[in-house]
Amino acid sequence: MASPQVTTALAEAGNKASLADYQAILSTIQSSATASSSSTTTTTTADLIAFANAALSGTLGVVNTRTLLTDLLTTLRNLPNNDPDLTIDVGQHVITAIPDSPLATSLTDQAAALREQVATAYEAQDEFLAAAKLLAEIPLDSSQRRVPDADKAAIWIRIVRNYLEVDDSTSAETYLNKLKNVMHDVADAELNLHFRLSAARIQDSNRQFLQAAKSYHDISFSPAIAEDERLHTLGMAIKCAVLAPAGPMRSRALGQLYKDERAAGLEEHGILEKMFFDRLLSTGEVDKFAQDLAPHQLAKTADGSTVLAKAVVEHNLLSASRLYANIGFDELGLLLGLDGQKAEDTTARMIEQGRLAGSIDQIERIILFVGGDAAGEKKGWGTRAQVPVAKEMRRWDGNVQALAEDLEQLTDGLQAEFPEFVAAHIAV
């Protein structure tokens, strides 16, 4: 309940319908809100709510009501204790009361500004979902209110970031798609940076790790962010590259990150280096890397394994293909920490998707690897059965060429040192 002084003053101001009297009351409420006790905060909340109800009564006219609501927003920002709870309580009451006011259709801008301010208070209390929903209520495409593209982008980016804070990438992507229609007309560098970063985070959340790694890596070069933030973004790029499905595309991404001189100083450099050089990863290294991953990066896939575990298995399988010409199902499973059947299924899937070069002999229960990365195309089983033959032919041609080159070098050396011997005994 409002204090008696404020109640009396509002009644007197209502009889006079004087803007100055209402502004004086608001100034008095702000001046008295100096104590930090809960009782004082409660009284201030009740006084401001009573003031808002009087302002929305419609007796002052459209212009004066807009002025008083703007003054109320200023007062909420300038209260000494800057209490988010007070802002939320008063703001939510006013937002609910505006539609019932006879002047509601003329207060659209004030209602939008109030929602933004209350959303800021929610964000200060880490209530990101409430902030996102409140910002989403702001009319941006209405014919009654024309909003510049830059202002639309600022609101939508806040919504996207708040949804991402609660790992709701689906809702965040909805507003990111709206942003795509206006960002080409937005010149603000900071908004464009937040847009790119939000897009990368959504790709990351949706497990589009290769795209996310590229997006993060590009952002890490931006001069608009501090050096430590650029390094953090580079670290996120490495994490996404590590989590990406093994294959030629991931190898290229790892190569770009490994060649970045800044990567050597990051904690993720160790696992990046091993993956780039196709070395087997140990359980200890994987567990240490997992400690810094986000929850969605440790989520379980359809087969019950985590995203990280699946990425490590595929990487170790690719590494094994560099070490072995062929290997049995059970032996490969022992190397990967799987049973023989799962090792075969994983290998078959990677070969079928063009991420691993090789073939499977199911009768002998042996996997035949082909050196080098797969080309990235999906091939039929009949075509893959011919791969080992082509491999042997290329190896034979390479050996013949190497022998011929060695023989030529030997002959040239003899001719330089013993020309008479060469002329008498060797046909050149």
Protein backbone atom coordinates (compact mmCIF):
# COMPACT_ATOMS: atom_id res chain seq x y z
CA MET A 1 0.00 0.00 0.00
CA ALA A 2 1.25 3.48 -0.89
CA SER A 3 2.32 5.82 1.88
CA PRO A 4 -0.35 8.25 3.18
CA GLN A 5 1.66 11.26 2.01
CA VAL A 6 1.82 10.00 -1.59
CA THR A 7 -1.83 8.94 -1.56
CA THR A 8 -2.94 12.39 -0.39
CA ALA A 9 -0.67 14.20 -2.82
CA LEU A 10 -1.94 12.11 -5.77
CA ALA A 11 -5.54 12.86 -4.83
CA GLU A 12 -4.83 16.60 -4.74
CA ALA A 13 -2.90 16.48 -8.02
CA GLY A 14 -5.77 14.58 -9.64
CA ASN A 15 -8.19 17.34 -8.73
CA LYS A 16 -5.92 19.97 -10.29
CA ALA A 17 -4.85 17.79 -13.27
CA SER A 18 -1.48 19.53 -13.12
CA LEU A 19 1.57 17.96 -14.74
CA ALA A 20 3.91 19.89 -12.46
CA ASP A 21 2.20 18.51 -9.34
CA TYR A 22 2.62 14.93 -10.57
CA GLN A 23 6.28 15.53 -11.37
CA ALA A 24 6.80 16.98 -7.91
CA ILE A 25 5.29 13.82 -6.37
CA LEU A 26 7.62 11.64 -8.41
CA SER A 27 10.58 13.72 -7.30
CA THR A 28 9.49 13.33 -3.67
CA ILE A 29 9.25 9.54 -4.04
CA GLN A 30 12.77 9.41 -5.50
CA SER A 31 14.16 11.61 -2.74
CA SER A 32 12.64 9.47 0.00
CA ALA A 33 13.95 6.20 -1.48
CA THR A 34 17.39 6.52 0.12
CA ALA A 35 17.26 3.75 2.71
CA SER A 36 18.14 0.19 1.69
CA SER A 37 15.88 -1.72 4.09
CA SER A 38 13.25 -4.05 2.69
CA SER A 39 10.43 -2.03 4.23
CA THR A 40 11.60 1.12 2.45
CA THR A 41 11.87 -0.77 -0.86
CA THR A 42 8.35 -2.11 -0.40
CA THR A 43 7.00 1.39 0.30
CA THR A 44 8.82 2.83 -2.72
CA THR A 45 7.36 0.09 -4.94
CA ALA A 46 3.85 0.79 -3.68
CA ASP A 47 4.28 4.55 -4.14
CA LEU A 48 5.52 4.19 -7.72
CA ILE A 49 2.68 1.80 -8.58
CA ALA A 50 0.14 4.26 -7.16
CA PHE A 51 1.79 7.05 -9.17
CA ALA A 52 1.63 4.96 -12.39
CA ASN A 53 -2.06 4.16 -11.82
CA ALA A 54 -2.83 7.85 -11.43
CA ALA A 55 -0.81 8.75 -14.52
CA LEU A 56 -2.66 6.14 -16.61
CA SER A 57 -6.11 7.29 -15.53
CA GLY A 58 -6.43 9.40 -18.68
CA THR A 59 -7.25 12.66 -16.93
CA LEU A 60 -4.01 14.36 -17.99
CA GLY A 61 -4.24 13.77 -21.71
CA VAL A 62 -1.92 11.90 -24.09
CA VAL A 63 1.04 14.29 -24.08
CA ASN A 64 1.23 14.66 -20.29
CA THR A 65 0.75 10.90 -19.72
CA ARG A 66 3.64 10.13 -22.09
CA THR A 67 5.80 12.64 -20.23
CA LEU A 68 4.99 11.11 -16.84
CA LEU A 69 5.74 7.57 -18.03
CA THR A 70 9.05 8.75 -19.43
CA ASP A 71 9.80 10.43 -16.10
CA LEU A 72 8.88 7.19 -14.31
CA LEU A 73 11.40 5.27 -16.41
CA THR A 74 14.07 7.83 -15.57
CA THR A 75 13.24 7.55 -11.87
CA LEU A 76 13.55 3.76 -11.95
CA ARG A 77 17.01 4.08 -13.51
CA ASN A 78 18.14 6.71 -11.02
CA LEU A 79 16.95 5.18 -7.75
CA PRO A 80 19.86 5.10 -5.27
CA ASN A 81 19.81 1.37 -4.61
CA ASN A 82 19.17 0.47 -8.28
CA ASP A 83 17.15 -2.56 -7.15
CA PRO A 84 16.25 -4.90 -10.07
CA ASP A 85 13.37 -6.39 -8.05
CA LEU A 86 11.81 -2.93 -7.64
CA THR A 87 12.17 -2.25 -11.37
CA ILE A 88 10.59 -5.59 -12.22
CA ASP A 89 7.67 -5.19 -9.79
CA VAL A 90 6.84 -1.65 -10.87
CA GLY A 91 7.57 -2.26 -14.54
CA GLN A 92 5.49 -5.42 -14.82
CA HIS A 93 2.55 -3.68 -13.11
CA VAL A 94 2.69 -0.76 -15.52
CA ILE A 95 3.06 -3.07 -18.55
CA THR A 96 -0.07 -4.91 -17.43
CA ALA A 97 -1.94 -1.68 -16.70
CA ILE A 98 -1.23 0.14 -19.97
CA PRO A 99 -3.65 -1.95 -22.11
CA ASP A 100 -6.48 -1.04 -19.71
CA SER A 101 -5.76 2.67 -19.99
CA PRO A 102 -8.01 4.78 -22.27
CA LEU A 103 -4.80 6.10 -23.83
CA ALA A 104 -3.25 2.66 -24.46
CA THR A 105 -2.94 2.99 -28.26
CA SER A 106 -0.95 6.21 -27.84
CA LEU A 107 1.56 4.80 -25.37
CA THR A 108 3.23 2.20 -27.60
CA ASP A 109 6.69 3.79 -27.45
CA GLN A 110 6.58 4.14 -23.65
CA ALA A 111 5.45 0.52 -23.26
CA ALA A 112 8.32 -0.65 -25.49
CA ALA A 113 10.87 1.38 -23.54
CA LEU A 114 9.50 -0.01 -20.28
CA ARG A 115 9.82 -3.59 -21.53
CA GLU A 116 13.44 -2.96 -22.46
CA GLN A 117 14.18 -1.56 -19.01
CA VAL A 118 12.47 -4.42 -17.18
CA ALA A 119 14.28 -6.91 -19.44
CA THR A 120 17.57 -5.33 -18.37
CA ALA A 121 16.59 -5.90 -14.74
CA TYR A 122 15.79 -9.55 -15.51
CA GLU A 123 19.19 -9.93 -17.20
CA ALA A 124 20.88 -8.49 -14.12
CA GLN A 125 19.31 -11.32 -12.11
CA ASP A 126 20.25 -13.96 -14.73
CA GLU A 127 16.58 -14.54 -15.56
CA PHE A 128 17.35 -14.68 -19.26
CA LEU A 129 14.23 -16.55 -20.36
CA ALA A 130 11.94 -13.95 -18.76
CA ALA A 131 13.98 -11.19 -20.40
CA ALA A 132 13.73 -12.83 -23.83
CA LYS A 133 9.97 -13.30 -23.58
CA LEU A 134 9.46 -9.70 -22.46
CA LEU A 135 11.57 -8.31 -25.30
CA ALA A 136 9.69 -10.50 -27.76
CA GLU A 137 6.48 -8.66 -26.81
CA ILE A 138 7.81 -5.37 -28.20
CA PRO A 139 5.99 -4.60 -31.49
CA LEU A 140 8.63 -4.09 -34.17
CA ASP A 141 6.71 -4.87 -37.36
CA SER A 142 3.54 -3.00 -36.51
CA SER A 143 2.10 -0.48 -39.01
CA GLN A 144 1.39 1.85 -36.09
CA ARG A 145 5.03 2.09 -35.09
CA ARG A 146 7.90 2.43 -37.53
CA VAL A 147 11.15 1.10 -36.09
CA PRO A 148 14.55 1.56 -37.84
CA ASP A 149 16.36 -1.62 -38.85
CA ALA A 150 19.21 -0.90 -36.44
CA ASP A 151 16.76 -0.70 -33.51
CA LYS A 152 15.06 -3.92 -34.62
CA ALA A 153 18.42 -5.62 -34.83
CA ALA A 154 19.40 -4.45 -31.34
CA ILE A 155 16.22 -5.94 -29.82
CA TRP A 156 16.38 -9.20 -31.77
CA ILE A 157 20.05 -9.71 -30.93
CA ARG A 158 19.22 -9.30 -27.23
CA ILE A 159 16.48 -11.89 -27.60
CA VAL A 160 18.82 -14.31 -29.38
CA ARG A 161 21.53 -13.92 -26.74
CA ASN A 162 19.07 -14.41 -23.88
CA TYR A 163 17.68 -17.58 -25.43
CA LEU A 164 21.20 -18.88 -25.96
CA GLU A 165 21.96 -18.29 -22.27
CA VAL A 166 19.29 -20.89 -21.44
CA ASP A 167 20.39 -23.21 -24.30
CA ASP A 168 17.18 -22.67 -26.29
CA SER A 169 18.83 -22.64 -29.69
CA THR A 170 15.52 -23.30 -31.49
CA SER A 171 13.92 -20.06 -30.30
CA ALA A 172 17.20 -18.21 -30.79
CA GLU A 173 17.41 -19.37 -34.40
CA THR A 174 13.89 -18.06 -35.06
CA TYR A 175 15.01 -14.53 -34.25
CA LEU A 176 18.38 -14.99 -35.95
CA ASN A 177 16.47 -15.69 -39.18
CA LYS A 178 14.65 -12.38 -38.71
CA LEU A 179 18.00 -10.67 -38.24
CA LYS A 180 19.25 -12.02 -41.56
CA ASN A 181 16.63 -9.90 -43.33
CA VAL A 182 17.85 -6.59 -41.85
CA MET A 183 21.55 -6.95 -41.02
CA HIS A 184 22.63 -5.96 -44.53
CA ASP A 185 21.23 -2.48 -43.80
CA VAL A 186 22.79 -2.19 -40.32
CA ALA A 187 26.13 -0.39 -40.25
CA ASP A 188 26.76 -0.68 -36.51
CA ALA A 189 29.96 -2.74 -36.10
CA GLU A 190 29.04 -3.97 -32.62
CA LEU A 191 25.63 -5.24 -33.73
CA ASN A 192 27.21 -7.03 -36.68
CA LEU A 193 29.75 -8.64 -34.38
CA HIS A 194 27.03 -9.85 -32.00
CA PHE A 195 25.08 -11.18 -34.99
CA ARG A 196 28.06 -13.21 -36.21
CA LEU A 197 28.81 -14.47 -32.72
CA SER A 198 25.18 -15.46 -32.16
CA ALA A 199 25.15 -17.33 -35.47
CA ALA A 200 28.29 -19.22 -34.42
CA ARG A 201 26.79 -20.10 -31.03
CA ILE A 202 23.62 -21.41 -32.68
CA GLN A 203 25.68 -23.54 -35.09
CA ASP A 204 27.57 -24.82 -32.05
CA SER A 205 24.35 -25.62 -30.17
CA ASN A 206 22.91 -27.39 -33.21
CA ARG A 207 26.07 -29.53 -33.45
CA GLN A 208 27.07 -27.99 -36.77
CA PHE A 209 30.59 -28.04 -35.45
CA LEU A 210 32.51 -27.52 -38.68
CA GLN A 211 30.51 -24.40 -39.56
CA ALA A 212 30.78 -23.17 -35.96
CA ALA A 213 34.56 -23.68 -35.95
CA LYS A 214 34.93 -21.56 -39.08
CA SER A 215 32.61 -18.85 -37.73
CA TYR A 216 34.43 -18.68 -34.38
CA HIS A 217 37.81 -18.61 -36.12
CA ASP A 218 36.75 -15.72 -38.36
CA ILE A 219 35.44 -13.77 -35.36
CA SER A 220 38.71 -14.34 -33.48
CA PHE A 221 40.42 -11.97 -35.93
CA SER A 222 37.98 -9.13 -35.28
CA PRO A 223 39.66 -5.99 -33.92
CA ALA A 224 36.34 -4.96 -32.36
CA ILE A 225 36.85 -7.30 -29.38
CA ALA A 226 39.57 -7.42 -26.74
CA GLU A 227 42.58 -9.69 -27.09
CA ASP A 228 41.46 -12.10 -24.36
CA GLU A 229 38.04 -12.38 -26.03
CA ARG A 230 39.70 -13.13 -29.38
CA LEU A 231 41.71 -15.92 -27.76
CA HIS A 232 38.59 -17.28 -26.05
CA THR A 233 36.79 -17.34 -29.41
CA LEU A 234 39.78 -19.11 -30.97
CA GLY A 235 39.56 -21.70 -28.20
CA MET A 236 35.87 -22.20 -29.01
CA ALA A 237 36.82 -22.74 -32.66
CA ILE A 238 39.30 -25.46 -31.63
CA LYS A 239 36.71 -27.18 -29.43
CA CYS A 240 34.18 -27.25 -32.25
CA ALA A 241 36.76 -28.57 -34.71
CA VAL A 242 37.68 -31.36 -32.29
CA LEU A 243 34.00 -32.29 -31.89
CA ALA A 244 33.32 -32.28 -35.64
CA PRO A 245 32.93 -35.60 -37.52
CA ALA A 246 36.29 -37.00 -38.57
CA GLY A 247 37.12 -36.72 -42.24
CA PRO A 248 38.81 -34.53 -44.88
CA MET A 249 36.76 -31.41 -44.07
CA ARG A 250 37.64 -31.59 -40.39
CA SER A 251 41.29 -32.19 -41.29
CA ARG A 252 41.31 -28.95 -43.25
CA ALA A 253 39.69 -27.09 -40.35
CA LEU A 254 42.25 -28.51 -37.91
CA GLY A 255 45.03 -27.51 -40.28
CA GLN A 256 43.87 -23.90 -40.42
CA LEU A 257 43.64 -23.70 -36.63
CA TYR A 258 46.99 -25.42 -36.06
CA LYS A 259 48.71 -22.95 -38.39
CA ASP A 260 47.29 -20.05 -36.39
CA GLU A 261 50.26 -18.94 -34.26
CA ARG A 262 47.96 -17.87 -31.40
CA ALA A 263 46.76 -21.44 -30.87
CA ALA A 264 50.09 -22.53 -29.35
CA GLY A 265 49.34 -20.59 -26.16
CA LEU A 266 45.91 -22.14 -25.54
CA GLU A 267 45.06 -25.12 -23.34
CA GLU A 268 43.35 -26.76 -26.31
CA HIS A 269 46.59 -26.80 -28.32
CA GLY A 270 47.65 -30.25 -27.09
CA ILE A 271 44.59 -32.08 -28.36
CA LEU A 272 44.57 -29.93 -31.51
CA GLU A 273 48.13 -30.98 -32.32
CA LYS A 274 47.41 -34.68 -31.78
CA MET A 275 44.32 -34.56 -33.94
CA PHE A 276 46.08 -32.60 -36.68
CA PHE A 277 48.87 -35.18 -36.88
CA ASP A 278 46.38 -38.09 -36.64
CA ARG A 279 47.75 -39.39 -33.35
CA LEU A 280 45.72 -41.63 -31.09
CA LEU A 281 44.08 -39.89 -28.14
CA SER A 282 44.28 -41.36 -24.64
CA THR A 283 41.41 -41.44 -22.15
CA GLY A 284 43.18 -39.00 -19.82
CA GLU A 285 43.59 -36.42 -22.57
CA VAL A 286 39.95 -36.71 -23.54
CA ASP A 287 38.72 -36.41 -19.94
CA LYS A 288 40.82 -33.28 -19.39
CA PHE A 289 39.47 -31.73 -22.58
CA ALA A 290 35.88 -32.55 -21.57
CA GLN A 291 36.14 -30.50 -18.38
CA ASP A 292 35.89 -27.22 -20.29
CA LEU A 293 33.08 -28.21 -22.66
CA ALA A 294 29.55 -26.80 -22.52
CA PRO A 295 26.63 -29.11 -21.59
CA HIS A 296 25.35 -29.31 -25.18
CA GLN A 297 28.83 -30.37 -26.31
CA LEU A 298 28.63 -33.32 -23.93
CA ALA A 299 25.07 -34.26 -24.87
CA LYS A 300 24.30 -37.85 -25.79
CA THR A 301 23.63 -38.88 -29.38
CA ALA A 302 21.04 -41.36 -30.63
CA ASP A 303 23.29 -44.36 -29.93
CA GLY A 304 23.81 -43.35 -26.28
CA SER A 305 27.37 -42.04 -26.61
CA THR A 306 28.32 -38.41 -26.07
CA VAL A 307 29.22 -36.04 -28.88
CA LEU A 308 32.81 -35.98 -27.62
CA ALA A 309 33.06 -39.76 -27.30
CA LYS A 310 31.78 -40.21 -30.84
CA ALA A 311 34.24 -37.64 -32.20
CA VAL A 312 37.15 -39.31 -30.37
CA VAL A 313 36.20 -42.79 -31.62
CA GLU A 314 36.03 -41.55 -35.21
CA HIS A 315 39.34 -39.72 -34.83
CA ASN A 316 41.10 -42.78 -33.36
CA LEU A 317 39.65 -44.89 -36.15
CA LEU A 318 41.08 -42.47 -38.71
CA SER A 319 44.42 -42.56 -36.86
CA ALA A 320 44.36 -46.37 -36.88
CA SER A 321 43.94 -46.27 -40.67
CA ARG A 322 47.30 -44.48 -40.83
CA LEU A 323 48.98 -47.14 -38.70
CA TYR A 324 47.51 -50.35 -40.10
CA ALA A 325 47.01 -51.69 -43.60
CA ASN A 326 44.33 -54.00 -42.21
CA ILE A 327 42.93 -54.95 -38.81
CA GLY A 328 40.33 -57.32 -37.43
CA PHE A 329 36.98 -56.14 -36.05
CA ASP A 330 37.72 -57.23 -32.49
CA GLU A 331 41.25 -55.82 -32.48
CA LEU A 332 39.97 -52.49 -33.78
CA GLY A 333 37.22 -52.51 -31.15
CA LEU A 334 39.84 -53.05 -28.44
CA LEU A 335 41.80 -50.09 -29.77
CA LEU A 336 38.71 -47.85 -29.88
CA GLY A 337 37.13 -49.02 -26.64
CA LEU A 338 34.18 -50.64 -28.45
CA ASP A 339 33.02 -54.14 -29.17
CA GLY A 340 33.74 -55.65 -32.57
CA GLN A 341 30.25 -55.06 -33.94
CA LYS A 342 30.25 -51.34 -33.08
CA ALA A 343 33.75 -50.97 -34.50
CA GLU A 344 32.51 -52.48 -37.78
CA ASP A 345 29.39 -50.27 -37.82
CA THR A 346 31.42 -47.11 -37.19
CA THR A 347 33.90 -48.00 -39.91
CA ALA A 348 31.16 -48.85 -42.40
CA ARG A 349 29.39 -45.55 -41.73
CA MET A 350 32.56 -43.50 -42.22
CA ILE A 351 33.45 -45.32 -45.45
CA GLU A 352 29.91 -44.92 -46.76
CA GLN A 353 29.96 -41.18 -46.01
CA GLY A 354 33.29 -40.77 -47.78
CA ARG A 355 35.16 -39.85 -44.60
CA LEU A 356 37.41 -42.92 -44.55
CA ALA A 357 39.09 -44.76 -47.44
CA GLY A 358 38.94 -48.51 -47.17
CA SER A 359 36.81 -51.65 -47.50
CA ILE A 360 35.40 -54.33 -45.22
CA ASP A 361 35.73 -58.09 -45.59
CA GLN A 362 32.83 -59.34 -43.47
CA ILE A 363 33.63 -63.00 -44.10
CA GLU A 364 37.17 -62.71 -42.76
CA ARG A 365 36.08 -59.95 -40.31
CA ILE A 366 38.89 -57.67 -41.48
CA ILE A 367 38.96 -53.99 -42.38
CA LEU A 368 41.31 -53.02 -45.22
CA PHE A 369 42.51 -49.42 -45.04
CA VAL A 370 43.70 -47.30 -47.95
CA GLY A 371 46.36 -44.68 -47.22
CA GLY A 372 45.38 -41.00 -47.46
CA ASP A 373 42.10 -39.24 -46.83
CA ALA A 374 38.91 -40.27 -48.50
CA ALA A 375 37.86 -38.05 -51.36
CA GLY A 376 34.64 -37.08 -49.63
CA GLU A 377 32.29 -38.82 -52.08
CA LYS A 378 29.90 -41.62 -51.31
CA LYS A 379 30.82 -44.72 -53.27
CA GLY A 380 29.20 -48.07 -53.88
CA TRP A 381 30.50 -51.22 -52.24
CA GLY A 382 31.60 -52.58 -55.61
CA THR A 383 33.73 -49.52 -56.29
CA ARG A 384 35.35 -49.72 -52.87
CA ALA A 385 36.27 -53.34 -53.44
CA GLN A 386 38.57 -52.17 -56.25
CA VAL A 387 40.34 -49.58 -54.07
CA PRO A 388 43.05 -51.95 -52.70
CA VAL A 389 43.96 -52.96 -56.28
CA ALA A 390 44.31 -49.34 -57.35
CA LYS A 391 46.40 -48.70 -54.26
CA GLU A 392 48.84 -51.51 -55.14
CA MET A 393 49.15 -50.26 -58.72
CA ARG A 394 49.99 -46.76 -57.52
CA ARG A 395 52.51 -48.16 -55.07
CA TRP A 396 54.13 -50.26 -57.84
CA ASP A 397 54.36 -47.23 -60.14
CA GLY A 398 55.90 -45.19 -57.35
CA ASN A 399 58.52 -47.85 -56.60
CA VAL A 400 59.49 -48.16 -60.27
CA GLN A 401 59.85 -44.38 -60.58
CA ALA A 402 61.96 -44.20 -57.40
CA LEU A 403 64.24 -47.00 -58.65
CA ALA A 404 64.75 -45.28 -62.00
CA GLU A 405 65.60 -41.99 -60.31
CA ASP A 406 68.10 -43.67 -57.98
CA LEU A 407 69.76 -45.47 -60.89
CA GLU A 408 70.05 -42.23 -62.83
CA GLN A 409 71.66 -40.45 -59.86
CA LEU A 410 74.14 -43.33 -59.45
CA THR A 411 75.08 -43.24 -63.14
CA ASP A 412 75.58 -39.47 -63.08
CA GLY A 413 77.83 -39.81 -60.01
CA LEU A 414 79.97 -42.51 -61.65
CA GLN A 415 80.31 -40.51 -64.83
CA ALA A 416 81.48 -37.47 -62.90
CA GLU A 417 84.07 -39.41 -60.87
CA PHE A 418 85.14 -42.18 -63.34
CA PRO A 419 84.30 -41.05 -66.89
CA GLU A 420 86.68 -43.57 -68.52
CA PHE A 421 85.16 -46.50 -66.62
CA VAL A 422 81.65 -45.41 -67.57
CA ALA A 423 82.61 -45.00 -71.23
CA ALA A 424 84.12 -48.51 -71.33
CA HIS A 425 81.56 -50.47 -69.38
CA ILE A 426 78.22 -48.57 -69.23
CA ALA A 427 76.06 -47.56 -72.17
CA VAL A 428 74.84 -44.01 -71.44
